[in-house]
N, C-alpha and C. Protein backbone atom coordinates (compact mmCIF):
# COMPACT_ATOMS: atom_id res chain seq x y z
N MET A 1 30.38 -10.49 -65.52
CA MET A 1 29.36 -10.32 -64.52
C MET A 1 28.61 -9.03 -64.83
N THR A 2 27.31 -9.10 -64.84
CA THR A 2 26.53 -7.90 -65.07
C THR A 2 26.37 -7.16 -63.75
N THR A 3 26.56 -5.87 -63.82
CA THR A 3 26.43 -5.04 -62.62
C THR A 3 25.04 -4.44 -62.61
N PRO A 4 24.28 -4.66 -61.54
CA PRO A 4 22.94 -4.08 -61.49
C PRO A 4 23.01 -2.56 -61.43
N LEU A 5 21.95 -1.91 -61.93
CA LEU A 5 21.89 -0.46 -61.86
C LEU A 5 21.65 -0.05 -60.42
N LEU A 6 22.48 0.82 -59.92
CA LEU A 6 22.41 1.25 -58.53
C LEU A 6 22.17 2.75 -58.47
N PRO A 7 21.57 3.21 -57.39
CA PRO A 7 21.45 4.67 -57.23
C PRO A 7 22.84 5.31 -57.27
N ASP A 8 22.91 6.55 -57.75
CA ASP A 8 24.21 7.19 -57.93
C ASP A 8 24.97 7.42 -56.63
N TYR A 9 24.30 7.33 -55.47
CA TYR A 9 25.01 7.51 -54.20
C TYR A 9 25.62 6.20 -53.70
N TRP A 10 25.37 5.08 -54.34
CA TRP A 10 26.00 3.81 -53.97
C TRP A 10 27.32 3.67 -54.69
N MET A 11 28.26 3.05 -54.03
CA MET A 11 29.54 2.82 -54.66
C MET A 11 29.45 1.60 -55.58
N PRO A 12 30.03 1.67 -56.77
CA PRO A 12 30.02 0.50 -57.64
C PRO A 12 31.01 -0.56 -57.14
N LEU A 13 30.83 -1.79 -57.59
CA LEU A 13 31.79 -2.83 -57.23
C LEU A 13 33.16 -2.47 -57.77
N PRO A 14 34.21 -2.78 -57.03
CA PRO A 14 35.55 -2.54 -57.55
C PRO A 14 35.79 -3.40 -58.78
N GLY A 15 36.65 -2.99 -59.64
CA GLY A 15 36.97 -3.76 -60.86
C GLY A 15 38.25 -4.53 -60.66
N PRO A 16 38.74 -5.18 -61.63
CA PRO A 16 38.13 -5.33 -62.95
C PRO A 16 37.05 -6.40 -62.94
N ALA A 17 36.19 -6.35 -63.95
CA ALA A 17 35.13 -7.35 -64.08
C ALA A 17 35.74 -8.71 -64.43
N LEU A 18 35.02 -9.75 -64.08
CA LEU A 18 35.48 -11.10 -64.41
C LEU A 18 35.40 -11.34 -65.92
N THR A 19 36.37 -12.05 -66.44
CA THR A 19 36.34 -12.43 -67.86
C THR A 19 35.33 -13.56 -68.03
N PRO A 20 34.89 -13.85 -69.25
CA PRO A 20 34.00 -14.99 -69.46
C PRO A 20 34.59 -16.31 -68.95
N ALA A 21 35.89 -16.49 -69.10
CA ALA A 21 36.53 -17.72 -68.59
C ALA A 21 36.48 -17.78 -67.07
N GLU A 22 36.70 -16.64 -66.41
CA GLU A 22 36.62 -16.59 -64.95
C GLU A 22 35.18 -16.83 -64.48
N GLN A 23 34.22 -16.28 -65.20
CA GLN A 23 32.82 -16.51 -64.86
C GLN A 23 32.49 -18.00 -64.94
N ALA A 24 33.00 -18.66 -65.99
CA ALA A 24 32.76 -20.10 -66.14
C ALA A 24 33.39 -20.87 -64.97
N LEU A 25 34.59 -20.47 -64.55
CA LEU A 25 35.24 -21.12 -63.40
C LEU A 25 34.42 -20.91 -62.12
N CYS A 26 33.88 -19.72 -61.96
CA CYS A 26 33.04 -19.44 -60.78
C CYS A 26 31.80 -20.34 -60.81
N ASN A 27 31.18 -20.46 -61.97
CA ASN A 27 29.98 -21.30 -62.08
C ASN A 27 30.31 -22.77 -61.79
N GLU A 28 31.43 -23.25 -62.32
CA GLU A 28 31.85 -24.64 -62.06
C GLU A 28 32.13 -24.84 -60.57
N THR A 29 32.79 -23.89 -59.95
CA THR A 29 33.11 -23.99 -58.53
C THR A 29 31.84 -23.95 -57.69
N PHE A 30 30.90 -23.10 -58.06
CA PHE A 30 29.63 -23.04 -57.34
C PHE A 30 28.90 -24.38 -57.41
N GLU A 31 28.87 -24.99 -58.58
CA GLU A 31 28.21 -26.29 -58.72
C GLU A 31 28.95 -27.35 -57.92
N ALA A 32 30.28 -27.29 -57.88
CA ALA A 32 31.06 -28.24 -57.07
C ALA A 32 30.76 -28.04 -55.58
N MET A 33 30.60 -26.79 -55.16
CA MET A 33 30.26 -26.50 -53.76
C MET A 33 28.90 -27.08 -53.41
N ARG A 34 27.95 -26.90 -54.30
CA ARG A 34 26.61 -27.44 -54.05
C ARG A 34 26.66 -28.96 -53.95
N ALA A 35 27.42 -29.60 -54.82
CA ALA A 35 27.54 -31.06 -54.79
C ALA A 35 28.27 -31.52 -53.53
N HIS A 36 29.21 -30.73 -53.06
CA HIS A 36 30.00 -31.06 -51.87
C HIS A 36 29.14 -31.09 -50.61
N GLY A 37 28.17 -30.20 -50.54
CA GLY A 37 27.31 -30.13 -49.37
C GLY A 37 27.91 -29.25 -48.29
N SER A 38 27.21 -29.18 -47.17
CA SER A 38 27.60 -28.26 -46.10
C SER A 38 28.14 -28.95 -44.86
N GLU A 39 28.38 -30.22 -44.93
CA GLU A 39 28.86 -30.94 -43.73
C GLU A 39 30.29 -30.59 -43.36
N SER A 40 31.07 -30.16 -44.33
CA SER A 40 32.46 -29.78 -44.06
C SER A 40 32.83 -28.60 -44.96
N PRO A 41 33.83 -27.82 -44.57
CA PRO A 41 34.22 -26.66 -45.38
C PRO A 41 34.65 -27.08 -46.78
N PHE A 42 34.37 -26.21 -47.73
CA PHE A 42 34.77 -26.42 -49.11
C PHE A 42 36.15 -25.80 -49.31
N ASP A 43 37.04 -26.48 -49.99
CA ASP A 43 38.40 -25.99 -50.23
C ASP A 43 38.40 -25.09 -51.48
N TYR A 44 38.28 -23.79 -51.27
CA TYR A 44 38.25 -22.81 -52.37
C TYR A 44 39.66 -22.64 -52.91
N ARG A 45 39.86 -22.94 -54.19
CA ARG A 45 41.19 -22.86 -54.76
C ARG A 45 41.32 -21.93 -55.96
N LEU A 46 40.33 -21.15 -56.25
CA LEU A 46 40.42 -20.25 -57.39
C LEU A 46 41.37 -19.09 -57.08
N SER A 47 42.04 -18.59 -58.11
CA SER A 47 42.87 -17.39 -57.92
C SER A 47 42.00 -16.13 -57.91
N ILE A 48 40.74 -16.28 -58.26
CA ILE A 48 39.79 -15.16 -58.24
C ILE A 48 39.51 -14.81 -56.78
N PRO A 49 39.60 -13.53 -56.40
CA PRO A 49 39.31 -13.17 -55.02
C PRO A 49 37.92 -13.65 -54.61
N LYS A 50 37.80 -14.07 -53.36
CA LYS A 50 36.53 -14.62 -52.90
C LYS A 50 35.38 -13.63 -53.02
N TRP A 51 35.63 -12.35 -52.80
CA TRP A 51 34.55 -11.38 -52.90
C TRP A 51 33.99 -11.35 -54.31
N GLN A 52 34.87 -11.49 -55.32
CA GLN A 52 34.40 -11.49 -56.71
C GLN A 52 33.60 -12.76 -57.00
N PHE A 53 34.08 -13.89 -56.48
CA PHE A 53 33.34 -15.14 -56.64
C PHE A 53 31.96 -15.01 -56.01
N LEU A 54 31.90 -14.50 -54.78
CA LEU A 54 30.62 -14.37 -54.08
C LEU A 54 29.69 -13.39 -54.80
N CYS A 55 30.22 -12.29 -55.29
CA CYS A 55 29.40 -11.34 -56.04
C CYS A 55 28.86 -11.99 -57.32
N HIS A 56 29.68 -12.78 -57.97
CA HIS A 56 29.25 -13.44 -59.20
C HIS A 56 28.12 -14.44 -58.93
N ILE A 57 28.29 -15.28 -57.91
CA ILE A 57 27.26 -16.31 -57.71
C ILE A 57 25.94 -15.70 -57.25
N THR A 58 25.98 -14.59 -56.50
CA THR A 58 24.72 -13.97 -56.10
C THR A 58 24.05 -13.29 -57.29
N ALA A 59 24.84 -12.79 -58.23
CA ALA A 59 24.28 -12.15 -59.41
C ALA A 59 23.76 -13.16 -60.43
N GLN A 60 24.36 -14.33 -60.48
CA GLN A 60 24.03 -15.30 -61.53
C GLN A 60 23.19 -16.49 -61.06
N HIS A 61 23.12 -16.73 -59.78
CA HIS A 61 22.39 -17.87 -59.24
C HIS A 61 21.42 -17.36 -58.18
N GLN A 62 20.40 -18.09 -57.91
CA GLN A 62 19.40 -17.64 -56.93
C GLN A 62 19.86 -18.00 -55.52
N VAL A 63 20.83 -17.23 -55.02
CA VAL A 63 21.34 -17.45 -53.67
C VAL A 63 21.44 -16.12 -52.95
N ALA A 64 21.33 -16.19 -51.65
CA ALA A 64 21.60 -15.06 -50.77
C ALA A 64 22.62 -15.55 -49.76
N LEU A 65 23.47 -14.67 -49.28
CA LEU A 65 24.57 -15.05 -48.40
C LEU A 65 24.40 -14.43 -47.02
N HIS A 66 24.73 -15.20 -46.00
CA HIS A 66 24.70 -14.73 -44.62
C HIS A 66 26.14 -14.72 -44.11
N GLY A 67 26.56 -13.63 -43.50
CA GLY A 67 27.91 -13.54 -42.95
C GLY A 67 27.89 -13.39 -41.45
N SER A 68 28.73 -14.16 -40.78
CA SER A 68 28.85 -14.08 -39.33
C SER A 68 30.26 -14.51 -38.94
N ASN A 69 30.77 -13.93 -37.87
CA ASN A 69 32.07 -14.39 -37.37
C ASN A 69 31.90 -15.41 -36.26
N ASN A 70 30.72 -15.97 -36.14
CA ASN A 70 30.46 -17.04 -35.17
C ASN A 70 30.73 -18.38 -35.86
N PRO A 71 31.82 -19.07 -35.51
CA PRO A 71 32.16 -20.33 -36.18
C PRO A 71 31.30 -21.50 -35.73
N ASN A 72 30.43 -21.30 -34.74
CA ASN A 72 29.63 -22.39 -34.19
C ASN A 72 28.21 -22.46 -34.76
N ILE A 73 27.89 -21.66 -35.76
CA ILE A 73 26.55 -21.70 -36.34
C ILE A 73 26.38 -23.03 -37.09
N THR A 74 25.33 -23.75 -36.74
CA THR A 74 25.02 -24.99 -37.45
C THR A 74 23.74 -24.87 -38.26
N ALA A 75 22.91 -23.90 -37.94
CA ALA A 75 21.67 -23.65 -38.68
C ALA A 75 21.31 -22.18 -38.55
N LEU A 76 20.73 -21.64 -39.59
CA LEU A 76 20.28 -20.26 -39.55
C LEU A 76 18.84 -20.24 -39.05
N THR A 77 18.60 -19.46 -38.01
CA THR A 77 17.26 -19.33 -37.45
C THR A 77 16.91 -17.85 -37.38
N PRO A 78 15.65 -17.51 -37.54
CA PRO A 78 15.26 -16.11 -37.45
C PRO A 78 15.59 -15.52 -36.08
N ARG A 79 16.00 -14.26 -36.09
CA ARG A 79 16.24 -13.54 -34.84
C ARG A 79 15.79 -12.10 -35.05
N HIS A 80 15.52 -11.44 -33.96
CA HIS A 80 15.07 -10.05 -34.01
C HIS A 80 16.30 -9.15 -33.93
N ALA A 81 16.51 -8.36 -34.95
CA ALA A 81 17.64 -7.43 -34.97
C ALA A 81 17.26 -6.13 -34.26
N SER A 82 18.23 -5.50 -33.64
CA SER A 82 17.97 -4.20 -32.99
C SER A 82 18.31 -3.10 -33.99
N ASP A 83 17.29 -2.56 -34.59
CA ASP A 83 17.45 -1.53 -35.59
C ASP A 83 16.38 -0.47 -35.34
N LEU A 84 16.70 0.77 -35.57
CA LEU A 84 15.73 1.84 -35.34
C LEU A 84 14.65 1.91 -36.43
N HIS A 85 14.93 1.31 -37.58
CA HIS A 85 14.00 1.36 -38.70
C HIS A 85 13.20 0.07 -38.77
N GLU A 86 11.93 0.19 -39.11
CA GLU A 86 11.03 -0.97 -39.12
C GLU A 86 11.56 -2.10 -40.00
N PHE A 87 12.07 -1.77 -41.19
CA PHE A 87 12.55 -2.81 -42.11
C PHE A 87 13.68 -3.63 -41.49
N GLY A 88 14.59 -2.98 -40.79
CA GLY A 88 15.74 -3.68 -40.21
C GLY A 88 15.48 -4.27 -38.84
N ALA A 89 14.29 -4.05 -38.29
CA ALA A 89 13.98 -4.55 -36.94
C ALA A 89 12.98 -5.69 -37.01
N GLN A 90 13.15 -6.55 -37.96
CA GLN A 90 12.24 -7.68 -38.13
C GLN A 90 12.83 -8.94 -37.55
N ASN A 91 11.96 -9.90 -37.27
CA ASN A 91 12.39 -11.23 -36.87
C ASN A 91 12.66 -12.00 -38.16
N ALA A 92 13.93 -12.22 -38.48
CA ALA A 92 14.26 -12.79 -39.79
C ALA A 92 15.66 -13.40 -39.77
N VAL A 93 15.95 -14.15 -40.82
CA VAL A 93 17.32 -14.54 -41.12
C VAL A 93 17.82 -13.48 -42.08
N TYR A 94 18.88 -12.79 -41.71
CA TYR A 94 19.39 -11.71 -42.54
C TYR A 94 20.43 -12.24 -43.50
N ALA A 95 20.26 -11.91 -44.77
CA ALA A 95 21.17 -12.36 -45.82
C ALA A 95 21.25 -11.26 -46.87
N ALA A 96 22.24 -11.35 -47.73
CA ALA A 96 22.45 -10.32 -48.75
C ALA A 96 22.54 -10.94 -50.13
N GLY A 97 22.17 -10.17 -51.10
CA GLY A 97 22.25 -10.59 -52.49
C GLY A 97 23.51 -10.09 -53.17
N ASP A 98 24.56 -9.88 -52.41
CA ASP A 98 25.87 -9.53 -52.97
C ASP A 98 26.94 -10.23 -52.16
N GLY A 99 28.18 -10.10 -52.58
CA GLY A 99 29.26 -10.81 -51.91
C GLY A 99 30.03 -10.01 -50.88
N ILE A 100 29.80 -8.72 -50.83
CA ILE A 100 30.62 -7.88 -49.96
C ILE A 100 30.03 -7.74 -48.57
N TRP A 101 28.71 -7.47 -48.45
CA TRP A 101 28.10 -7.33 -47.13
C TRP A 101 28.32 -8.55 -46.24
N PRO A 102 28.08 -9.76 -46.72
CA PRO A 102 28.30 -10.92 -45.85
C PRO A 102 29.75 -11.04 -45.38
N MET A 103 30.70 -10.68 -46.24
CA MET A 103 32.11 -10.72 -45.82
C MET A 103 32.36 -9.72 -44.71
N TYR A 104 31.76 -8.55 -44.81
CA TYR A 104 31.90 -7.53 -43.77
C TYR A 104 31.43 -8.10 -42.43
N PHE A 105 30.23 -8.70 -42.41
CA PHE A 105 29.68 -9.21 -41.16
C PHE A 105 30.44 -10.44 -40.66
N ALA A 106 31.11 -11.15 -41.54
CA ALA A 106 31.91 -12.30 -41.12
C ALA A 106 33.26 -11.86 -40.54
N ILE A 107 33.74 -10.70 -40.94
CA ILE A 107 35.09 -10.27 -40.55
C ILE A 107 35.09 -9.31 -39.37
N VAL A 108 34.19 -8.33 -39.37
CA VAL A 108 34.24 -7.29 -38.36
C VAL A 108 33.84 -7.82 -36.98
N GLU A 109 34.51 -7.34 -35.97
CA GLU A 109 34.17 -7.62 -34.58
C GLU A 109 33.19 -6.54 -34.15
N ARG A 110 31.91 -6.78 -34.38
CA ARG A 110 30.92 -5.72 -34.13
C ARG A 110 30.84 -5.31 -32.67
N ALA A 111 31.12 -6.21 -31.75
CA ALA A 111 31.09 -5.82 -30.34
C ALA A 111 32.18 -4.80 -30.04
N GLN A 112 33.27 -4.86 -30.77
CA GLN A 112 34.39 -3.92 -30.57
C GLN A 112 34.16 -2.63 -31.32
N TYR A 113 33.53 -2.67 -32.49
CA TYR A 113 33.34 -1.49 -33.33
C TYR A 113 31.86 -1.23 -33.51
N ARG A 114 31.24 -0.60 -32.52
CA ARG A 114 29.82 -0.27 -32.60
C ARG A 114 29.63 0.99 -33.43
N MET A 115 28.78 0.90 -34.42
CA MET A 115 28.48 2.07 -35.24
C MET A 115 27.47 2.94 -34.52
N GLY A 116 27.67 4.23 -34.58
CA GLY A 116 26.73 5.15 -33.97
C GLY A 116 25.40 5.16 -34.72
N LEU A 117 24.34 5.29 -33.98
CA LEU A 117 23.02 5.33 -34.62
C LEU A 117 22.48 6.72 -34.64
């Protein structure tokens, strides 16, 4: 997996990097997921940690990921986020081009852990 150049104040992805064989497995699994469709959950069976799989597919395929701990989402619709900065306060569907941010938003109970602004 190629790691994009990041500003020096950003943390790099944890290692180790995926081997070429693991990358091929991720690509095969991604294609199987696409063929499976979204009507039912996909049974992820790789020994590769999911965060590494998600980081790989966002780096290698034209996808963005949305993370939420709401299990009842059936469609993504734009919503207005409450953010002090203009960029983050748009009416939009929020998604990320990496595998870690969406996992954070899918796991954390944001109502319980409010970050100070």
